[in-house]
Amino acid sequence: MTTPVDIRLRSTRPALDARPLEKRVGLIILATDHTTEPDFRRMVASDRIGVYVARIPYANPTTPENLRKMQPSLTAGAALILPDEPLDAICYSCTSASVVIGDAEIEAAVQAAKPGVPVVTPPTAGVHGLKALGARTISILTPYTVETSRPMAAYFAAHGFEIASFTCLGFEDDREMARIAPASLVDLAREATDAKADALFVSCTALRAALAVVGMEEAIGRPVVTSNQATAWNCLRLCGDDEPRAEFGRLMTLPLN
């Protein structure tokens, strides 16, 4: 017969920290996303900042119609991230969907689950980043089709940028977009950047563009802003982290204006 183990309940509990980590960044990403989580682990996560992820349904092809279908899932996705606990920032990580759904609509959907949380999207972060760099005339590179790229052009034009050139690659599947080699993006950036442009915006959270930012900047002699780099920068600054990270491009050395 086994002798019962005498388990002692300690009379007092140890003191608790206010939070396991000081700052919290939420990420709402597509079910098919291969890139945002690794990028945020590299650029945002630390002993001070935790990154917490929820995935929402998405089905290719990447068309404006399919992108809009994610809107009803945004509130539920946000609610899954540390339920009933506050966040310091939350990012919806899809550039093309953010443009077609709309900034105000995304913010309202996310804040329905997380009231008051600052909401970051790639296009809004891209706008902030380009303005922080002093860019007025830009070139844009996307992996999308022409149909999906048109709303992107309209968005940046509406935010006051002159678009010197716009290049798209014609992909319809975000999983294929994620397979474009970072080294290829350097060549594509060189090809896509107009001589009149102050900076290049590389759109799409599926692209592994954050790994190629420095190479792209060296190739074109101008600042480069990418979707995941811009949202990471925005989230870091909202968490009070102003440490320069030049290995991820010029933007990562600047404050959030």
C-alpha atoms as a PDB file:
ATOM      1  CA  MET A   1       0.000   0.000   0.000  1.00  0.00           C
ATOM      2  CA  THR A   2       1.344   3.422  -0.973  1.00  0.00           C
ATOM      3  CA  THR A   3       1.981   5.774   1.888  1.00  0.00           C
ATOM      4  CA  PRO A   4       0.071   9.047   1.396  1.00  0.00           C
ATOM      5  CA  VAL A   5       2.277  12.035   0.702  1.00  0.00           C
ATOM      6  CA  ASP A   6       1.964  14.773   3.255  1.00  0.00           C
ATOM      7  CA  ILE A   7       1.365  17.931   1.203  1.00  0.00           C
ATOM      8  CA  ARG A   8       1.838  21.133   3.119  1.00  0.00           C
ATOM      9  CA  LEU A   9      -0.105  24.240   2.127  1.00  0.00           C
ATOM     10  CA  ARG A  10       2.018  27.272   2.821  1.00  0.00           C
ATOM     11  CA  SER A  11       0.184  29.736   5.026  1.00  0.00           C
ATOM     12  CA  THR A  12       1.110  32.783   2.913  1.00  0.00           C
ATOM     13  CA  ARG A  13       1.552  33.302  -0.802  1.00  0.00           C
ATOM     14  CA  PRO A  14       4.599  34.956  -2.400  1.00  0.00           C
ATOM     15  CA  ALA A  15       4.279  38.547  -3.568  1.00  0.00           C
ATOM     16  CA  LEU A  16       3.133  39.001  -7.173  1.00  0.00           C
ATOM     17  CA  ASP A  17       4.532  41.321  -9.809  1.00  0.00           C
ATOM     18  CA  ALA A  18       2.039  43.691 -11.412  1.00  0.00           C
ATOM     19  CA  ARG A  19       2.542  41.839 -14.721  1.00  0.00           C
ATOM     20  CA  PRO A  20       4.676  38.914 -15.908  1.00  0.00           C
ATOM     21  CA  LEU A  21       6.214  41.352 -18.416  1.00  0.00           C
ATOM     22  CA  GLU A  22       6.055  45.118 -18.142  1.00  0.00           C
ATOM     23  CA  LYS A  23       4.477  45.785 -21.561  1.00  0.00           C
ATOM     24  CA  ARG A  24       2.031  43.845 -23.731  1.00  0.00           C
ATOM     25  CA  VAL A  25       1.634  43.960 -27.498  1.00  0.00           C
ATOM     26  CA  GLY A  26      -1.231  42.067 -29.106  1.00  0.00           C
ATOM     27  CA  LEU A  27      -1.089  40.779 -32.668  1.00  0.00           C
ATOM     28  CA  ILE A  28      -4.084  39.823 -34.785  1.00  0.00           C
ATOM     29  CA  ILE A  29      -2.767  37.924 -37.783  1.00  0.00           C
ATOM     30  CA  LEU A  30      -4.125  35.908 -40.667  1.00  0.00           C
ATOM     31  CA  ALA A  31      -4.514  32.149 -40.369  1.00  0.00           C
ATOM     32  CA  THR A  32      -2.117  31.851 -43.316  1.00  0.00           C
ATOM     33  CA  ASP A  33       0.546  34.282 -42.031  1.00  0.00           C
ATOM     34  CA  HIS A  34       4.120  32.923 -42.005  1.00  0.00           C
ATOM     35  CA  THR A  35       6.003  36.149 -41.365  1.00  0.00           C
ATOM     36  CA  THR A  36       4.574  38.515 -38.752  1.00  0.00           C
ATOM     37  CA  GLU A  37       5.274  36.358 -35.696  1.00  0.00           C
ATOM     38  CA  PRO A  38       8.959  35.766 -36.534  1.00  0.00           C
ATOM     39  CA  ASP A  39       9.386  39.448 -37.370  1.00  0.00           C
ATOM     40  CA  PHE A  40       7.861  40.589 -34.076  1.00  0.00           C
ATOM     41  CA  ARG A  41       9.978  38.083 -32.158  1.00  0.00           C
ATOM     42  CA  ARG A  42      13.061  39.663 -33.735  1.00  0.00           C
ATOM     43  CA  MET A  43      12.049  43.300 -33.519  1.00  0.00           C
ATOM     44  CA  VAL A  44       9.639  43.690 -30.590  1.00  0.00           C
ATOM     45  CA  ALA A  45       9.700  40.852 -28.048  1.00  0.00           C
ATOM     46  CA  SER A  46      12.112  41.197 -25.135  1.00  0.00           C
ATOM     47  CA  ASP A  47      12.417  40.600 -21.414  1.00  0.00           C
ATOM     48  CA  ARG A  48      10.332  43.756 -21.014  1.00  0.00           C
ATOM     49  CA  ILE A  49       7.799  43.434 -23.856  1.00  0.00           C
ATOM     50  CA  GLY A  50       5.593  40.422 -24.449  1.00  0.00           C
ATOM     51  CA  VAL A  51       3.971  39.720 -27.823  1.00  0.00           C
ATOM     52  CA  TYR A  52       0.665  37.834 -27.729  1.00  0.00           C
ATOM     53  CA  VAL A  53      -0.930  36.467 -30.897  1.00  0.00           C
ATOM     54  CA  ALA A  54      -4.387  35.532 -32.157  1.00  0.00           C
ATOM     55  CA  ARG A  55      -5.081  34.187 -35.643  1.00  0.00           C
ATOM     56  CA  ILE A  56      -8.294  34.872 -37.530  1.00  0.00           C
ATOM     57  CA  PRO A  57      -9.802  33.061 -40.526  1.00  0.00           C
ATOM     58  CA  TYR A  58      -8.575  34.000 -43.976  1.00  0.00           C
ATOM     59  CA  ALA A  59      -8.724  32.268 -47.341  1.00  0.00           C
ATOM     60  CA  ASN A  60      -6.810  33.170 -50.486  1.00  0.00           C
ATOM     61  CA  PRO A  61      -6.837  34.624 -53.102  1.00  0.00           C
ATOM     62  CA  THR A  62      -5.850  38.072 -51.886  1.00  0.00           C
ATOM     63  CA  THR A  63      -8.617  40.156 -53.396  1.00  0.00           C
ATOM     64  CA  PRO A  64     -10.388  43.194 -51.938  1.00  0.00           C
ATOM     65  CA  GLU A  65     -13.519  41.076 -51.496  1.00  0.00           C
ATOM     66  CA  ASN A  66     -11.726  38.345 -49.524  1.00  0.00           C
ATOM     67  CA  LEU A  67      -9.805  40.879 -47.466  1.00  0.00           C
ATOM     68  CA  ARG A  68     -13.029  42.578 -46.357  1.00  0.00           C
ATOM     69  CA  LYS A  69     -14.341  39.238 -45.103  1.00  0.00           C
ATOM     70  CA  MET A  70     -11.939  39.433 -42.160  1.00  0.00           C
ATOM     71  CA  GLN A  71     -13.666  42.443 -40.623  1.00  0.00           C
ATOM     72  CA  PRO A  72     -16.297  40.443 -38.671  1.00  0.00           C
ATOM     73  CA  SER A  73     -13.521  38.369 -37.037  1.00  0.00           C
ATOM     74  CA  LEU A  74     -11.531  41.291 -35.669  1.00  0.00           C
ATOM     75  CA  THR A  75     -13.431  41.733 -32.411  1.00  0.00           C
ATOM     76  CA  ALA A  76     -13.342  38.028 -31.588  1.00  0.00           C
ATOM     77  CA  GLY A  77      -9.653  37.888 -32.459  1.00  0.00           C
ATOM     78  CA  ALA A  78      -8.843  40.800 -30.173  1.00  0.00           C
ATOM     79  CA  ALA A  79     -10.895  39.247 -27.367  1.00  0.00           C
ATOM     80  CA  LEU A  80      -8.751  36.096 -27.469  1.00  0.00           C
ATOM     81  CA  ILE A  81      -5.593  38.010 -26.571  1.00  0.00           C
ATOM     82  CA  LEU A  82      -5.183  37.949 -22.776  1.00  0.00           C
ATOM     83  CA  PRO A  83      -8.933  38.129 -22.080  1.00  0.00           C
ATOM     84  CA  ASP A  84      -9.984  40.838 -19.627  1.00  0.00           C
ATOM     85  CA  GLU A  85      -6.428  42.161 -19.373  1.00  0.00           C
ATOM     86  CA  PRO A  86      -5.248  45.469 -20.846  1.00  0.00           C
ATOM     87  CA  LEU A  87      -2.736  45.768 -23.674  1.00  0.00           C
ATOM     88  CA  ASP A  88      -0.315  48.588 -24.434  1.00  0.00           C
ATOM     89  CA  ALA A  89      -0.867  48.241 -28.185  1.00  0.00           C
ATOM     90  CA  ILE A  90      -2.585  45.883 -30.575  1.00  0.00           C
ATOM     91  CA  CYS A  91      -1.678  45.418 -34.223  1.00  0.00           C
ATOM     92  CA  TYR A  92      -3.903  44.055 -36.961  1.00  0.00           C
ATOM     93  CA  SER A  93      -1.236  42.713 -39.265  1.00  0.00           C
ATOM     94  CA  CYS A  94      -2.593  42.938 -42.788  1.00  0.00           C
ATOM     95  CA  THR A  95      -1.731  45.924 -44.943  1.00  0.00           C
ATOM     96  CA  SER A  96      -4.086  45.354 -47.850  1.00  0.00           C
ATOM     97  CA  ALA A  97      -7.049  44.435 -45.633  1.00  0.00           C
ATOM     98  CA  SER A  98      -6.483  47.487 -43.452  1.00  0.00           C
ATOM     99  CA  VAL A  99      -6.728  49.694 -46.517  1.00  0.00           C
ATOM    100  CA  VAL A 100      -9.947  48.172 -47.842  1.00  0.00           C
ATOM    101  CA  ILE A 101     -11.664  47.801 -44.443  1.00  0.00           C
ATOM    102  CA  GLY A 102     -10.661  51.252 -43.204  1.00  0.00           C
ATOM    103  CA  ASP A 103      -8.761  52.652 -40.226  1.00  0.00           C
ATOM    104  CA  ALA A 104     -11.807  53.747 -38.240  1.00  0.00           C
ATOM    105  CA  GLU A 105     -13.613  50.455 -38.791  1.00  0.00           C
ATOM    106  CA  ILE A 106     -10.628  48.411 -37.636  1.00  0.00           C
ATOM    107  CA  GLU A 107     -10.122  50.547 -34.561  1.00  0.00           C
ATOM    108  CA  ALA A 108     -13.799  50.254 -33.622  1.00  0.00           C
ATOM    109  CA  ALA A 109     -13.809  46.478 -34.086  1.00  0.00           C
ATOM    110  CA  VAL A 110     -10.671  45.950 -32.006  1.00  0.00           C
ATOM    111  CA  GLN A 111     -11.664  48.372 -29.273  1.00  0.00           C
ATOM    112  CA  ALA A 112     -15.033  46.652 -28.931  1.00  0.00           C
ATOM    113  CA  ALA A 113     -13.032  43.871 -27.258  1.00  0.00           C
ATOM    114  CA  LYS A 114     -10.143  45.950 -25.903  1.00  0.00           C
ATOM    115  CA  PRO A 115     -11.511  49.396 -25.006  1.00  0.00           C
ATOM    116  CA  GLY A 116      -9.020  52.218 -25.226  1.00  0.00           C
ATOM    117  CA  VAL A 117      -6.096  50.184 -26.558  1.00  0.00           C
ATOM    118  CA  PRO A 118      -3.989  51.963 -29.203  1.00  0.00           C
ATOM    119  CA  VAL A 119      -4.646  50.188 -32.507  1.00  0.00           C
ATOM    120  CA  VAL A 120      -1.820  49.889 -35.030  1.00  0.00           C
ATOM    121  CA  THR A 121      -2.162  48.830 -38.657  1.00  0.00           C
ATOM    122  CA  PRO A 122       0.554  48.559 -41.299  1.00  0.00           C
ATOM    123  CA  PRO A 123      -0.704  51.414 -43.497  1.00  0.00           C
ATOM    124  CA  THR A 124      -1.169  53.820 -40.577  1.00  0.00           C
ATOM    125  CA  ALA A 125       2.251  52.868 -39.219  1.00  0.00           C
ATOM    126  CA  GLY A 126       3.653  53.251 -42.717  1.00  0.00           C
ATOM    127  CA  VAL A 127       2.247  56.764 -42.977  1.00  0.00           C
ATOM    128  CA  HIS A 128       3.693  57.692 -39.569  1.00  0.00           C
ATOM    129  CA  GLY A 129       7.032  56.193 -40.524  1.00  0.00           C
ATOM    130  CA  LEU A 130       7.294  57.906 -43.889  1.00  0.00           C
ATOM    131  CA  LYS A 131       6.402  61.243 -42.317  1.00  0.00           C
ATOM    132  CA  ALA A 132       8.946  60.701 -39.532  1.00  0.00           C
ATOM    133  CA  LEU A 133      11.546  60.216 -42.270  1.00  0.00           C
ATOM    134  CA  GLY A 134      10.450  63.431 -43.963  1.00  0.00           C
ATOM    135  CA  ALA A 135       9.246  61.703 -47.123  1.00  0.00           C
ATOM    136  CA  ARG A 136       6.745  63.482 -49.338  1.00  0.00           C
ATOM    137  CA  THR A 137       7.229  61.754 -52.666  1.00  0.00           C
ATOM    138  CA  ILE A 138       7.342  57.969 -52.485  1.00  0.00           C
ATOM    139  CA  SER A 139       7.620  54.840 -54.538  1.00  0.00           C
ATOM    140  CA  ILE A 140       5.528  51.825 -53.537  1.00  0.00           C
ATOM    141  CA  LEU A 141       6.256  48.138 -54.078  1.00  0.00           C
ATOM    142  CA  THR A 142       3.605  45.480 -53.396  1.00  0.00           C
ATOM    143  CA  PRO A 143       3.382  41.754 -54.114  1.00  0.00           C
ATOM    144  CA  TYR A 144      -0.326  42.065 -54.973  1.00  0.00           C
ATOM    145  CA  THR A 145      -2.315  42.170 -58.175  1.00  0.00           C
ATOM    146  CA  VAL A 146      -3.214  45.468 -59.810  1.00  0.00           C
ATOM    147  CA  GLU A 147      -6.761  45.160 -58.428  1.00  0.00           C
ATOM    148  CA  THR A 148      -5.549  44.803 -54.837  1.00  0.00           C
ATOM    149  CA  SER A 149      -2.877  47.476 -55.292  1.00  0.00           C
ATOM    150  CA  ARG A 150      -5.257  50.216 -56.432  1.00  0.00           C
ATOM    151  CA  PRO A 151      -6.740  50.861 -52.951  1.00  0.00           C
ATOM    152  CA  MET A 152      -3.184  51.078 -51.591  1.00  0.00           C
ATOM    153  CA  ALA A 153      -2.290  53.807 -54.063  1.00  0.00           C
ATOM    154  CA  ALA A 154      -5.456  55.706 -53.192  1.00  0.00           C
ATOM    155  CA  TYR A 155      -4.749  55.391 -49.457  1.00  0.00           C
ATOM    156  CA  PHE A 156      -1.268  56.905 -49.588  1.00  0.00           C
ATOM    157  CA  ALA A 157      -2.360  59.614 -51.997  1.00  0.00           C
ATOM    158  CA  ALA A 158      -5.201  60.501 -49.613  1.00  0.00           C
ATOM    159  CA  HIS A 159      -2.637  60.862 -46.823  1.00  0.00           C
ATOM    160  CA  GLY A 160      -0.773  63.531 -48.741  1.00  0.00           C
ATOM    161  CA  PHE A 161       1.977  61.606 -50.503  1.00  0.00           C
ATOM    162  CA  GLU A 162       2.912  62.092 -54.121  1.00  0.00           C
ATOM    163  CA  ILE A 163       3.403  58.665 -55.651  1.00  0.00           C
ATOM    164  CA  ALA A 164       6.310  58.777 -58.067  1.00  0.00           C
ATOM    165  CA  SER A 165       5.992  55.117 -59.037  1.00  0.00           C
ATOM    166  CA  PHE A 166       3.993  52.049 -58.045  1.00  0.00           C
ATOM    167  CA  THR A 167       5.107  48.497 -58.816  1.00  0.00           C
ATOM    168  CA  CYS A 168       3.158  45.318 -58.069  1.00  0.00           C
ATOM    169  CA  LEU A 169       4.215  41.700 -58.579  1.00  0.00           C
ATOM    170  CA  GLY A 170       0.885  40.042 -59.355  1.00  0.00           C
ATOM    171  CA  PHE A 171       0.703  37.450 -56.559  1.00  0.00           C
ATOM    172  CA  GLU A 172      -2.689  36.309 -55.250  1.00  0.00           C
ATOM    173  CA  ASP A 173      -1.614  33.931 -52.454  1.00  0.00           C
ATOM    174  CA  ASP A 174      -0.006  35.356 -49.316  1.00  0.00           C
ATOM    175  CA  ARG A 175       1.787  32.063 -48.688  1.00  0.00           C
ATOM    176  CA  GLU A 176       3.644  32.525 -51.967  1.00  0.00           C
ATOM    177  CA  MET A 177       4.376  36.144 -51.079  1.00  0.00           C
ATOM    178  CA  ALA A 178       6.118  34.863 -47.944  1.00  0.00           C
ATOM    179  CA  ARG A 179       8.381  32.697 -50.101  1.00  0.00           C
ATOM    180  CA  ILE A 180       9.909  35.636 -51.988  1.00  0.00           C
ATOM    181  CA  ALA A 181      13.554  35.625 -50.915  1.00  0.00           C
ATOM    182  CA  PRO A 182      14.744  38.708 -49.014  1.00  0.00           C
ATOM    183  CA  ALA A 183      17.690  38.984 -51.417  1.00  0.00           C
ATOM    184  CA  SER A 184      15.236  39.241 -54.312  1.00  0.00           C
ATOM    185  CA  LEU A 185      13.529  42.134 -52.574  1.00  0.00           C
ATOM    186  CA  VAL A 186      16.752  44.135 -52.758  1.00  0.00           C
ATOM    187  CA  ASP A 187      16.772  43.841 -56.545  1.00  0.00           C
ATOM    188  CA  LEU A 188      13.048  44.560 -56.712  1.00  0.00           C
ATOM    189  CA  ALA A 189      13.486  47.663 -54.549  1.00  0.00           C
ATOM    190  CA  ARG A 190      16.172  48.981 -56.860  1.00  0.00           C
ATOM    191  CA  GLU A 191      13.902  48.435 -59.847  1.00  0.00           C
ATOM    192  CA  ALA A 192      10.802  49.899 -58.170  1.00  0.00           C
ATOM    193  CA  THR A 193      12.272  53.127 -56.769  1.00  0.00           C
ATOM    194  CA  ASP A 194      11.835  56.241 -58.873  1.00  0.00           C
ATOM    195  CA  ALA A 195      14.635  58.796 -58.950  1.00  0.00           C
ATOM    196  CA  LYS A 196      12.220  61.445 -57.629  1.00  0.00           C
ATOM    197  CA  ALA A 197      11.140  59.385 -54.603  1.00  0.00           C
ATOM    198  CA  ASP A 198      12.238  60.384 -51.105  1.00  0.00           C
ATOM    199  CA  ALA A 199      11.571  56.866 -49.792  1.00  0.00           C
ATOM    200  CA  LEU A 200      10.224  53.450 -50.738  1.00  0.00           C
ATOM    201  CA  PHE A 201       7.258  51.791 -49.038  1.00  0.00           C
ATOM    202  CA  VAL A 202       7.261  47.990 -49.333  1.00  0.00           C
ATOM    203  CA  SER A 203       3.765  46.757 -48.580  1.00  0.00           C
ATOM    204  CA  CYS A 204       2.623  43.403 -47.200  1.00  0.00           C
ATOM    205  CA  THR A 205       3.096  41.702 -43.860  1.00  0.00           C
ATOM    206  CA  ALA A 206       3.687  38.398 -45.659  1.00  0.00           C
ATOM    207  CA  LEU A 207       6.911  39.652 -47.236  1.00  0.00           C
ATOM    208  CA  ARG A 208      10.134  38.977 -45.349  1.00  0.00           C
ATOM    209  CA  ALA A 209      11.069  42.553 -46.124  1.00  0.00           C
ATOM    210  CA  ALA A 210      12.199  43.462 -42.607  1.00  0.00           C
ATOM    211  CA  LEU A 211      15.162  41.145 -43.141  1.00  0.00           C
ATOM    212  CA  ALA A 212      16.128  43.067 -46.268  1.00  0.00           C
ATOM    213  CA  VAL A 213      15.594  46.678 -45.172  1.00  0.00           C
ATOM    214  CA  VAL A 214      19.243  47.587 -44.756  1.00  0.00           C
ATOM    215  CA  GLY A 215      20.145  45.967 -48.065  1.00  0.00           C
ATOM    216  CA  MET A 216      17.321  47.779 -49.819  1.00  0.00           C
ATOM    217  CA  GLU A 217      18.326  51.110 -48.292  1.00  0.00           C
ATOM    218  CA  GLU A 218      21.914  50.612 -49.392  1.00  0.00           C
ATOM    219  CA  ALA A 219      20.786  49.636 -52.884  1.00  0.00           C
ATOM    220  CA  ILE A 220      18.537  52.650 -53.472  1.00  0.00           C
ATOM    221  CA  GLY A 221      20.269  55.248 -51.303  1.00  0.00           C
ATOM    222  CA  ARG A 222      17.007  56.192 -49.602  1.00  0.00           C
ATOM    223  CA  PRO A 223      14.985  55.147 -46.558  1.00  0.00           C
ATOM    224  CA  VAL A 224      12.786  52.077 -46.868  1.00  0.00           C
ATOM    225  CA  VAL A 225       9.640  51.502 -44.822  1.00  0.00           C
ATOM    226  CA  THR A 226       8.103  48.022 -44.770  1.00  0.00           C
ATOM    227  CA  SER A 227       4.829  46.826 -43.305  1.00  0.00           C
ATOM    228  CA  ASN A 228       6.187  44.753 -40.411  1.00  0.00           C
ATOM    229  CA  GLN A 229       9.075  47.096 -39.709  1.00  0.00           C
ATOM    230  CA  ALA A 230       6.655  50.028 -39.451  1.00  0.00           C
ATOM    231  CA  THR A 231       4.205  48.256 -37.145  1.00  0.00           C
ATOM    232  CA  ALA A 232       7.035  46.950 -34.969  1.00  0.00           C
ATOM    233  CA  TRP A 233       8.459  50.482 -34.707  1.00  0.00           C
ATOM    234  CA  ASN A 234       5.037  51.908 -33.876  1.00  0.00           C
ATOM    235  CA  CYS A 235       4.360  49.270 -31.205  1.00  0.00           C
ATOM    236  CA  LEU A 236       7.801  49.663 -29.638  1.00  0.00           C
ATOM    237  CA  ARG A 237       7.391  53.412 -29.356  1.00  0.00           C
ATOM    238  CA  LEU A 238       3.910  53.005 -27.832  1.00  0.00           C
ATOM    239  CA  CYS A 239       5.552  50.763 -25.229  1.00  0.00           C
ATOM    240  CA  GLY A 240       8.055  53.509 -24.404  1.00  0.00           C
ATOM    241  CA  ASP A 241      10.939  51.700 -26.088  1.00  0.00           C
ATOM    242  CA  ASP A 242      12.964  54.286 -28.030  1.00  0.00           C
ATOM    243  CA  GLU A 243      16.123  52.211 -28.406  1.00  0.00           C
ATOM    244  CA  PRO A 244      17.585  52.529 -31.924  1.00  0.00           C
ATOM    245  CA  ARG A 245      17.636  49.299 -33.928  1.00  0.00           C
ATOM    246  CA  ALA A 246      19.584  50.335 -37.005  1.00  0.00           C
ATOM    247  CA  GLU A 247      19.835  46.725 -38.165  1.00  0.00           C
ATOM    248  CA  PHE A 248      16.172  47.075 -39.164  1.00  0.00           C
ATOM    249  CA  GLY A 249      16.549  50.308 -41.090  1.00  0.00           C
ATOM    250  CA  ARG A 250      16.634  54.050 -40.605  1.00  0.00           C
ATOM    251  CA  LEU A 251      13.063  54.194 -39.347  1.00  0.00           C
ATOM    252  CA  MET A 252      13.998  52.075 -36.346  1.00  0.00           C
ATOM    253  CA  THR A 253      16.325  54.832 -35.135  1.00  0.00           C
ATOM    254  CA  LEU A 254      13.606  57.504 -34.979  1.00  0.00           C
ATOM    255  CA  PRO A 255      11.028  58.508 -32.362  1.00  0.00           C
ATOM    256  CA  LEU A 256       7.299  58.259 -33.007  1.00  0.00           C
ATOM    257  CA  ASN A 257       6.104  61.772 -33.828  1.00  0.00           C
END
